[in-house]
C-alpha atoms as a PDB file:
ATOM      1  CA  MET A   1     -43.332   2.893  43.105  1.00  0.00           C
ATOM      2  CA  GLY A   2     -45.738   2.749  40.185  1.00  0.00           C
ATOM      3  CA  ASN A   3     -49.500   3.000  40.351  1.00  0.00           C
ATOM      4  CA  LEU A   4     -51.135   3.253  43.727  1.00  0.00           C
ATOM      5  CA  LEU A   5     -54.552   1.845  44.394  1.00  0.00           C
ATOM      6  CA  THR A   6     -57.134   4.514  45.050  1.00  0.00           C
ATOM      7  CA  PRO A   7     -58.708   4.017  48.496  1.00  0.00           C
ATOM      8  CA  ILE A   8     -62.322   2.786  48.429  1.00  0.00           C
ATOM      9  CA  ARG A   9     -63.688   5.970  50.049  1.00  0.00           C
ATOM     10  CA  VAL A  10     -61.921   8.133  47.449  1.00  0.00           C
ATOM     11  CA  GLN A  11     -63.217   5.853  44.672  1.00  0.00           C
ATOM     12  CA  LYS A  12     -66.763   6.234  46.005  1.00  0.00           C
ATOM     13  CA  LEU A  13     -66.408  10.020  46.006  1.00  0.00           C
ATOM     14  CA  GLN A  14     -65.032   9.983  42.459  1.00  0.00           C
ATOM     15  CA  MET A  15     -67.823   7.700  41.264  1.00  0.00           C
ATOM     16  CA  ALA A  16     -70.526   9.840  42.909  1.00  0.00           C
ATOM     17  CA  LEU A  17     -69.164  13.033  41.355  1.00  0.00           C
ATOM     18  CA  HIS A  18     -68.833  11.317  37.973  1.00  0.00           C
ATOM     19  CA  ALA A  19     -72.373   9.924  38.131  1.00  0.00           C
ATOM     20  CA  LYS A  20     -73.793  13.343  39.001  1.00  0.00           C
ATOM     21  CA  THR A  21     -72.036  15.044  36.084  1.00  0.00           C
ATOM     22  CA  LYS A  22     -73.183  12.349  33.664  1.00  0.00           C
ATOM     23  CA  ALA A  23     -76.767  12.428  34.922  1.00  0.00           C
ATOM     24  CA  GLU A  24     -77.035  16.222  34.753  1.00  0.00           C
ATOM     25  CA  ALA A  25     -74.729  17.663  32.114  1.00  0.00           C
ATOM     26  CA  GLY A  26     -75.414  21.275  33.113  1.00  0.00           C
ATOM     27  CA  TYR A  27     -75.061  20.684  36.850  1.00  0.00           C
ATOM     28  CA  ARG A  28     -72.658  23.008  38.640  1.00  0.00           C
ATOM     29  CA  PHE A  29     -70.902  21.922  41.800  1.00  0.00           C
ATOM     30  CA  TYR A  30     -70.872  24.761  44.288  1.00  0.00           C
ATOM     31  CA  ALA A  31     -69.654  22.828  47.297  1.00  0.00           C
ATOM     32  CA  LEU A  32     -66.596  20.791  46.327  1.00  0.00           C
ATOM     33  CA  TYR A  33     -64.258  22.644  48.672  1.00  0.00           C
ATOM     34  CA  ASP A  34     -65.209  20.360  51.563  1.00  0.00           C
ATOM     35  CA  LYS A  35     -64.119  17.342  49.508  1.00  0.00           C
ATOM     36  CA  ILE A  36     -60.609  18.712  48.996  1.00  0.00           C
ATOM     37  CA  TYR A  37     -59.549  18.750  52.637  1.00  0.00           C
ATOM     38  CA  ARG A  38     -60.733  15.240  53.453  1.00  0.00           C
ATOM     39  CA  GLU A  39     -57.894  13.315  55.093  1.00  0.00           C
ATOM     40  CA  ASP A  40     -58.201  10.385  52.691  1.00  0.00           C
ATOM     41  CA  VAL A  41     -58.244  12.646  49.616  1.00  0.00           C
ATOM     42  CA  LEU A  42     -55.181  14.630  50.731  1.00  0.00           C
ATOM     43  CA  ALA A  43     -53.272  11.489  51.751  1.00  0.00           C
ATOM     44  CA  HIS A  44     -53.986   9.831  48.396  1.00  0.00           C
ATOM     45  CA  ALA A  45     -53.061  12.992  46.464  1.00  0.00           C
ATOM     46  CA  TYR A  46     -49.782  13.214  48.391  1.00  0.00           C
ATOM     47  CA  ALA A  47     -49.017   9.530  47.754  1.00  0.00           C
ATOM     48  CA  GLN A  48     -49.738   9.944  44.030  1.00  0.00           C
ATOM     49  CA  CYS A  49     -47.489  12.996  43.757  1.00  0.00           C
ATOM     50  CA  ARG A  50     -44.778  11.236  45.772  1.00  0.00           C
ATOM     51  CA  SER A  51     -44.943   8.126  43.597  1.00  0.00           C
ATOM     52  CA  ASN A  52     -44.716  10.264  40.458  1.00  0.00           C
ATOM     53  CA  ARG A  53     -41.722  12.091  41.906  1.00  0.00           C
ATOM     54  CA  GLY A  54     -43.594  15.376  41.539  1.00  0.00           C
ATOM     55  CA  ALA A  55     -41.555  18.542  41.365  1.00  0.00           C
ATOM     56  CA  PRO A  56     -41.699  21.219  44.062  1.00  0.00           C
ATOM     57  CA  GLY A  57     -44.398  23.829  43.570  1.00  0.00           C
ATOM     58  CA  VAL A  58     -44.042  27.585  43.637  1.00  0.00           C
ATOM     59  CA  ASP A  59     -43.050  27.379  47.319  1.00  0.00           C
ATOM     60  CA  ARG A  60     -40.099  25.191  46.243  1.00  0.00           C
ATOM     61  CA  GLN A  61     -40.842  22.758  49.083  1.00  0.00           C
ATOM     62  CA  ASP A  62     -39.819  19.239  48.120  1.00  0.00           C
ATOM     63  CA  PHE A  63     -40.756  15.818  49.460  1.00  0.00           C
ATOM     64  CA  ALA A  64     -37.596  15.564  51.575  1.00  0.00           C
ATOM     65  CA  GLU A  65     -38.537  18.756  53.435  1.00  0.00           C
ATOM     66  CA  ILE A  66     -42.123  17.607  53.934  1.00  0.00           C
ATOM     67  CA  GLU A  67     -40.990  14.211  55.205  1.00  0.00           C
ATOM     68  CA  ALA A  68     -38.447  15.808  57.558  1.00  0.00           C
ATOM     69  CA  TYR A  69     -41.255  18.011  58.912  1.00  0.00           C
ATOM     70  CA  GLY A  70     -43.661  15.077  59.123  1.00  0.00           C
ATOM     71  CA  VAL A  71     -46.096  14.124  56.380  1.00  0.00           C
ATOM     72  CA  GLN A  72     -49.077  13.663  58.726  1.00  0.00           C
ATOM     73  CA  LYS A  73     -48.379  16.977  60.449  1.00  0.00           C
ATOM     74  CA  TRP A  74     -47.968  18.757  57.087  1.00  0.00           C
ATOM     75  CA  LEU A  75     -51.157  17.232  55.662  1.00  0.00           C
ATOM     76  CA  GLY A  76     -53.032  18.039  58.865  1.00  0.00           C
ATOM     77  CA  GLU A  77     -51.996  21.687  58.708  1.00  0.00           C
ATOM     78  CA  LEU A  78     -52.900  21.845  55.021  1.00  0.00           C
ATOM     79  CA  ALA A  79     -56.314  20.303  55.740  1.00  0.00           C
ATOM     80  CA  LEU A  80     -56.920  22.804  58.535  1.00  0.00           C
ATOM     81  CA  ALA A  81     -55.980  25.762  56.315  1.00  0.00           C
ATOM     82  CA  LEU A  82     -58.276  24.422  53.580  1.00  0.00           C
ATOM     83  CA  ARG A  83     -61.107  23.774  56.054  1.00  0.00           C
ATOM     84  CA  GLN A  84     -60.798  27.311  57.453  1.00  0.00           C
ATOM     85  CA  GLU A  85     -60.464  28.673  53.910  1.00  0.00           C
ATOM     86  CA  SER A  86     -57.285  30.462  54.970  1.00  0.00           C
ATOM     87  CA  TYR A  87     -55.026  28.624  52.514  1.00  0.00           C
ATOM     88  CA  ARG A  88     -53.601  31.000  49.945  1.00  0.00           C
ATOM     89  CA  PRO A  89     -51.306  29.464  47.368  1.00  0.00           C
ATOM     90  CA  ASP A  90     -48.306  31.479  46.282  1.00  0.00           C
ATOM     91  CA  PRO A  91     -48.556  33.236  42.924  1.00  0.00           C
ATOM     92  CA  ILE A  92     -47.785  31.005  39.970  1.00  0.00           C
ATOM     93  CA  ARG A  93     -44.293  31.268  38.565  1.00  0.00           C
ATOM     94  CA  GLU A  94     -44.051  32.545  35.019  1.00  0.00           C
ATOM     95  CA  CYS A  95     -43.378  29.692  32.662  1.00  0.00           C
ATOM     96  CA  LEU A  96     -40.134  30.366  30.808  1.00  0.00           C
ATOM     97  CA  SER A  97     -41.301  28.457  27.756  1.00  0.00           C
ATOM     98  CA  ARG A  98     -44.241  30.861  27.369  1.00  0.00           C
ATOM     99  CA  ARG A  99     -42.115  33.991  27.205  1.00  0.00           C
ATOM    100  CA  PRO A 100     -41.977  35.619  23.793  1.00  0.00           C
ATOM    101  CA  MET A 101     -38.714  35.112  21.963  1.00  0.00           C
ATOM    102  CA  ALA A 102     -36.481  38.188  21.844  1.00  0.00           C
ATOM    103  CA  SER A 103     -35.966  39.543  18.353  1.00  0.00           C
END
């Protein structure tokens, strides 16, 4: 699939955030949460992960399962959970490569 073009609206958001951070180095963003659940942002993020053949997350849900369920429905439910701030990701799996070696 290769590189996907970033939609214009997502590019504008990225450029605005970049410009703000460059203009005010110490600026802290307190309200980025509302940018995450935008339909265009989620759709582009999904397409990027899909094109990169991203691995399942801690929930072990893969692209085949999401597509069988319905991508738009899945993204819509994710957006709603993010908008309502009820989304709670599963705990992160322990990385096996970070475990100390047994002596």
